[in-house]
Amino acid sequence: MKALKKLSVVLLLSSGAFCQQVWADNNVFTSMDDPSTAKKPFEGSASAGYLSQSGNTTSSSATAATNMTWYQSSMAYSLWGNAANTSSNDERSSETYQVGGRTRYNMTERDYLFGQASWLSDRFNGYDGRSVLAAGYGRQILNGPIHSLRVEAGPGVRYDDYHAGGHETQALAYGAFSYNWQLTDNTKFIQGVSVLGSDDTTVNSETGVQIGINEHFSLKMAYNVTWNQNPPASAPDHTDTKTTILLSYAM
């Protein structure tokens, strides 16, 4: 092989059922599915990804994620985490870690209460740590099988620990919606948007398609956008985008 030949390898593995779960960026919308429609008391997923390129440019990227959800007749609990690291020419260019938890309680067939907590470390975007607590009311407007739509809103608090130094605590207003459209028996369209409204409002969006290949494998393609109203001085760009392709394996 020639020395300048580029080599790229992508490996992504995940467990879970395509017809039951949609893997969304946890920054966007962390709500689990309606517990009243759950087919089993527990669903879990684990994923890992790696990309390597050599030749004129040397770079690598690694990702890992997990999501665990427990269902009862009217309640659901979820724990999740993810990590992503990218380096170019032996220098780290991106490093993100995130963990969180979520609970949902169905008051009626359509109305529910939620609570959530998350922690994010993303120093290349200016945050050594960002903690968010939120709780409030949600409404399951559509509940499948073709269309699923839920919206929710509530108060919260956000604590930012900036990579360049300093920290800040802010009250916030949280709002989000999640929409899934089962286009065919094995193809699902995904759209999620969340807003953390404060003096430093953050908007997250994910648009994607998830395709079932066979009984065990599915493919997800997604485009994520994050917009910060007042980004940290160490990462002044207002908008970040990310495109992902995930190959998933159902156990």
Foldseek 3Di string as FASTA:
>chain_A
DDQQDWDWDKDKEKAWFLLQDDDDDCVFPVDHAFLQPDPDQKTKMKMKIKIFIGHPKTKMKIKIKMKMKGGDNFKMKIKMKMWMWMDIPPHTQWTKIKIKMKMWGDPDPFKIKMWMKMWMDTQQQFFNIKIKTWIWMKTFPDRDPFKTKMKIKTKIKMKTATNVGDIDIWIWIKIKMWMWGCPDPFKIWIWIWIWTGTPWIKIKIKTWMKGDPDRFKIKIWIKMKMAIPQTDPSNGDGIDIDIDMHIYTYD
